[in-house]
Amino acid sequence: MEPIAQHQVPVWVFAGGSDNGVELRYFYAGLNKLEELGHPDVQFTIEADMGHDTWRRVYAGEDLYNWFLSHKKEK
């Protein structure tokens, strides 16, 4: 997590509330570490009614693409 925070790489994490493959509790340690390191741009979205295939909803909408376009790489 240190390199991500150091370089302030924008992070948006998605999780399914009904995911049988990756439990929600496993996300919090990394997200908390980024917050502890002062990372300014971390988002966490839980799709409560989804399983491991949360990506289907995320990619079908416009929010993620607009979020990508709102960021730029500094030279």
N, C-alpha and C. Protein backbone atom coordinates (compact mmCIF):
# COMPACT_ATOMS: atom_id res chain seq x y z
N MET A 1 0.81 -1.19 0.00
CA MET A 1 0.00 0.00 0.00
C MET A 1 0.86 1.27 0.00
N GLU A 2 2.06 1.15 0.53
CA GLU A 2 2.91 2.33 0.61
C GLU A 2 3.18 2.96 -0.76
N PRO A 3 3.55 2.20 -1.79
CA PRO A 3 3.79 2.83 -3.09
C PRO A 3 2.53 3.47 -3.68
N ILE A 4 1.38 2.87 -3.46
CA ILE A 4 0.14 3.44 -3.97
C ILE A 4 -0.12 4.78 -3.30
N ALA A 5 0.06 4.83 -2.00
CA ALA A 5 -0.14 6.08 -1.27
C ALA A 5 0.93 7.11 -1.62
N GLN A 6 2.16 6.67 -1.71
CA GLN A 6 3.26 7.58 -2.03
C GLN A 6 3.05 8.27 -3.37
N HIS A 7 2.61 7.52 -4.36
CA HIS A 7 2.41 8.07 -5.70
C HIS A 7 0.99 8.57 -5.92
N GLN A 8 0.17 8.48 -4.87
CA GLN A 8 -1.21 8.95 -4.89
C GLN A 8 -1.98 8.43 -6.11
N VAL A 9 -1.84 7.15 -6.35
CA VAL A 9 -2.59 6.50 -7.42
C VAL A 9 -4.06 6.45 -7.00
N PRO A 10 -4.96 7.02 -7.78
CA PRO A 10 -6.38 6.98 -7.42
C PRO A 10 -6.86 5.53 -7.31
N VAL A 11 -7.68 5.28 -6.30
CA VAL A 11 -8.17 3.93 -6.05
C VAL A 11 -9.68 3.96 -5.86
N TRP A 12 -10.36 3.11 -6.61
CA TRP A 12 -11.78 2.89 -6.39
C TRP A 12 -11.98 1.40 -6.33
N VAL A 13 -12.36 0.90 -5.19
CA VAL A 13 -12.52 -0.52 -4.94
C VAL A 13 -14.01 -0.85 -4.94
N PHE A 14 -14.36 -1.94 -5.63
CA PHE A 14 -15.73 -2.42 -5.66
C PHE A 14 -15.78 -3.81 -5.06
N ALA A 15 -16.83 -4.07 -4.30
CA ALA A 15 -17.00 -5.39 -3.70
C ALA A 15 -18.47 -5.77 -3.73
N GLY A 16 -18.70 -7.05 -3.84
CA GLY A 16 -20.06 -7.56 -3.78
C GLY A 16 -20.42 -7.97 -2.37
N GLY A 17 -21.54 -7.51 -1.89
CA GLY A 17 -21.96 -7.83 -0.53
C GLY A 17 -22.27 -9.30 -0.34
N SER A 18 -22.56 -10.00 -1.43
CA SER A 18 -22.86 -11.43 -1.36
C SER A 18 -21.77 -12.27 -2.02
N ASP A 19 -20.58 -11.73 -2.07
CA ASP A 19 -19.46 -12.43 -2.71
C ASP A 19 -19.02 -13.61 -1.86
N ASN A 20 -19.06 -14.80 -2.42
CA ASN A 20 -18.61 -15.99 -1.70
C ASN A 20 -17.11 -16.24 -1.88
N GLY A 21 -16.49 -15.52 -2.82
CA GLY A 21 -15.08 -15.73 -3.10
C GLY A 21 -14.16 -14.85 -2.27
N VAL A 22 -14.55 -13.60 -2.08
CA VAL A 22 -13.74 -12.64 -1.31
C VAL A 22 -14.67 -11.94 -0.32
N GLU A 23 -14.49 -12.21 0.93
CA GLU A 23 -15.33 -11.61 1.97
C GLU A 23 -14.98 -10.13 2.15
N LEU A 24 -15.97 -9.33 2.47
CA LEU A 24 -15.77 -7.89 2.65
C LEU A 24 -14.69 -7.57 3.66
N ARG A 25 -14.59 -8.37 4.68
CA ARG A 25 -13.61 -8.08 5.75
C ARG A 25 -12.18 -8.02 5.23
N TYR A 26 -11.90 -8.67 4.10
CA TYR A 26 -10.55 -8.66 3.57
C TYR A 26 -10.17 -7.35 2.89
N PHE A 27 -11.12 -6.53 2.59
CA PHE A 27 -10.85 -5.25 1.94
C PHE A 27 -10.36 -4.19 2.92
N TYR A 28 -10.83 -4.26 4.14
CA TYR A 28 -10.64 -3.16 5.08
C TYR A 28 -9.19 -2.91 5.51
N ALA A 29 -8.39 -3.93 5.63
CA ALA A 29 -7.00 -3.72 6.06
C ALA A 29 -6.26 -2.84 5.07
N GLY A 30 -6.38 -3.14 3.79
CA GLY A 30 -5.70 -2.33 2.77
C GLY A 30 -6.25 -0.92 2.67
N LEU A 31 -7.57 -0.81 2.70
CA LEU A 31 -8.19 0.52 2.63
C LEU A 31 -7.82 1.36 3.85
N ASN A 32 -7.83 0.75 5.02
CA ASN A 32 -7.45 1.47 6.24
C ASN A 32 -5.98 1.89 6.19
N LYS A 33 -5.13 1.04 5.63
CA LYS A 33 -3.71 1.39 5.53
C LYS A 33 -3.53 2.59 4.61
N LEU A 34 -4.24 2.62 3.49
CA LEU A 34 -4.15 3.78 2.59
C LEU A 34 -4.60 5.05 3.30
N GLU A 35 -5.66 4.95 4.06
CA GLU A 35 -6.14 6.10 4.82
C GLU A 35 -5.10 6.53 5.86
N GLU A 36 -4.53 5.56 6.56
CA GLU A 36 -3.50 5.83 7.57
C GLU A 36 -2.30 6.54 6.94
N LEU A 37 -1.97 6.18 5.71
CA LEU A 37 -0.83 6.78 5.01
C LEU A 37 -1.17 8.13 4.38
N GLY A 38 -2.41 8.57 4.57
CA GLY A 38 -2.81 9.88 4.08
C GLY A 38 -3.19 9.93 2.61
N HIS A 39 -3.53 8.80 2.04
CA HIS A 39 -3.92 8.78 0.64
C HIS A 39 -5.20 9.60 0.46
N PRO A 40 -5.19 10.58 -0.46
CA PRO A 40 -6.32 11.50 -0.58
C PRO A 40 -7.45 11.03 -1.49
N ASP A 41 -7.27 9.94 -2.24
CA ASP A 41 -8.26 9.60 -3.26
C ASP A 41 -8.56 8.11 -3.28
N VAL A 42 -9.30 7.67 -2.26
CA VAL A 42 -9.68 6.26 -2.15
C VAL A 42 -11.19 6.19 -1.98
N GLN A 43 -11.82 5.38 -2.80
CA GLN A 43 -13.26 5.16 -2.69
C GLN A 43 -13.50 3.66 -2.56
N PHE A 44 -14.56 3.32 -1.84
CA PHE A 44 -14.94 1.93 -1.66
C PHE A 44 -16.44 1.83 -1.84
N THR A 45 -16.86 1.03 -2.80
CA THR A 45 -18.27 0.84 -3.08
C THR A 45 -18.62 -0.63 -2.89
N ILE A 46 -19.64 -0.86 -2.09
CA ILE A 46 -20.15 -2.21 -1.90
C ILE A 46 -21.48 -2.31 -2.61
N GLU A 47 -21.56 -3.23 -3.54
CA GLU A 47 -22.82 -3.54 -4.21
C GLU A 47 -23.45 -4.67 -3.40
N ALA A 48 -24.30 -4.30 -2.45
CA ALA A 48 -24.80 -5.23 -1.44
C ALA A 48 -25.52 -6.44 -2.02
N ASP A 49 -26.19 -6.27 -3.14
CA ASP A 49 -26.98 -7.36 -3.71
C ASP A 49 -26.23 -8.19 -4.73
N MET A 50 -24.95 -7.93 -4.90
CA MET A 50 -24.16 -8.61 -5.92
C MET A 50 -23.20 -9.61 -5.29
N GLY A 51 -22.78 -10.58 -6.10
CA GLY A 51 -21.77 -11.54 -5.68
C GLY A 51 -20.42 -11.12 -6.24
N HIS A 52 -19.64 -12.10 -6.66
CA HIS A 52 -18.30 -11.83 -7.16
C HIS A 52 -18.32 -11.13 -8.53
N ASP A 53 -19.45 -11.14 -9.19
CA ASP A 53 -19.56 -10.54 -10.52
C ASP A 53 -19.98 -9.08 -10.49
N THR A 54 -19.59 -8.37 -9.46
CA THR A 54 -19.91 -6.94 -9.32
C THR A 54 -19.45 -6.15 -10.53
N TRP A 55 -18.38 -6.59 -11.15
CA TRP A 55 -17.83 -5.90 -12.31
C TRP A 55 -18.86 -5.73 -13.43
N ARG A 56 -19.81 -6.65 -13.51
CA ARG A 56 -20.82 -6.53 -14.57
C ARG A 56 -21.61 -5.23 -14.44
N ARG A 57 -22.02 -4.91 -13.24
CA ARG A 57 -22.78 -3.67 -13.00
C ARG A 57 -21.86 -2.45 -13.15
N VAL A 58 -20.68 -2.56 -12.60
CA VAL A 58 -19.74 -1.43 -12.64
C VAL A 58 -19.41 -1.06 -14.08
N TYR A 59 -19.07 -2.04 -14.90
CA TYR A 59 -18.69 -1.77 -16.29
C TYR A 59 -19.88 -1.39 -17.16
N ALA A 60 -21.09 -1.76 -16.77
CA ALA A 60 -22.28 -1.43 -17.56
C ALA A 60 -22.71 0.02 -17.38
N GLY A 61 -22.28 0.64 -16.29
CA GLY A 61 -22.66 2.03 -16.02
C GLY A 61 -21.61 3.00 -16.51
N GLU A 62 -21.84 4.27 -16.26
CA GLU A 62 -20.92 5.32 -16.69
C GLU A 62 -20.03 5.85 -15.58
N ASP A 63 -20.36 5.56 -14.34
CA ASP A 63 -19.65 6.16 -13.21
C ASP A 63 -18.15 5.89 -13.24
N LEU A 64 -17.77 4.64 -13.46
CA LEU A 64 -16.35 4.30 -13.46
C LEU A 64 -15.61 5.01 -14.59
N TYR A 65 -16.21 5.06 -15.77
CA TYR A 65 -15.56 5.71 -16.91
C TYR A 65 -15.42 7.21 -16.68
N ASN A 66 -16.43 7.82 -16.11
CA ASN A 66 -16.34 9.25 -15.77
C ASN A 66 -15.27 9.49 -14.71
N TRP A 67 -15.16 8.56 -13.78
CA TRP A 67 -14.13 8.66 -12.74
C TRP A 67 -12.75 8.57 -13.37
N PHE A 68 -12.58 7.61 -14.31
CA PHE A 68 -11.29 7.51 -15.03
C PHE A 68 -10.96 8.83 -15.70
N LEU A 69 -11.93 9.41 -16.37
CA LEU A 69 -11.69 10.65 -17.12
C LEU A 69 -11.46 11.86 -16.22
N SER A 70 -11.83 11.75 -14.95
CA SER A 70 -11.62 12.87 -14.03
C SER A 70 -10.20 12.91 -13.48
N HIS A 71 -9.40 11.91 -13.81
CA HIS A 71 -8.02 11.83 -13.33
C HIS A 71 -7.06 11.96 -14.49
N LYS A 72 -5.89 12.47 -14.19
CA LYS A 72 -4.85 12.54 -15.20
C LYS A 72 -3.50 12.26 -14.55
N LYS A 73 -2.61 11.72 -15.33
CA LYS A 73 -1.28 11.42 -14.84
C LYS A 73 -0.43 12.68 -14.87
N GLU A 74 0.17 12.98 -13.74
CA GLU A 74 1.07 14.13 -13.67
C GLU A 74 2.40 13.75 -14.28
N LYS A 75 3.00 14.66 -14.99
CA LYS A 75 4.31 14.39 -15.63
C LYS A 75 5.43 14.59 -14.66
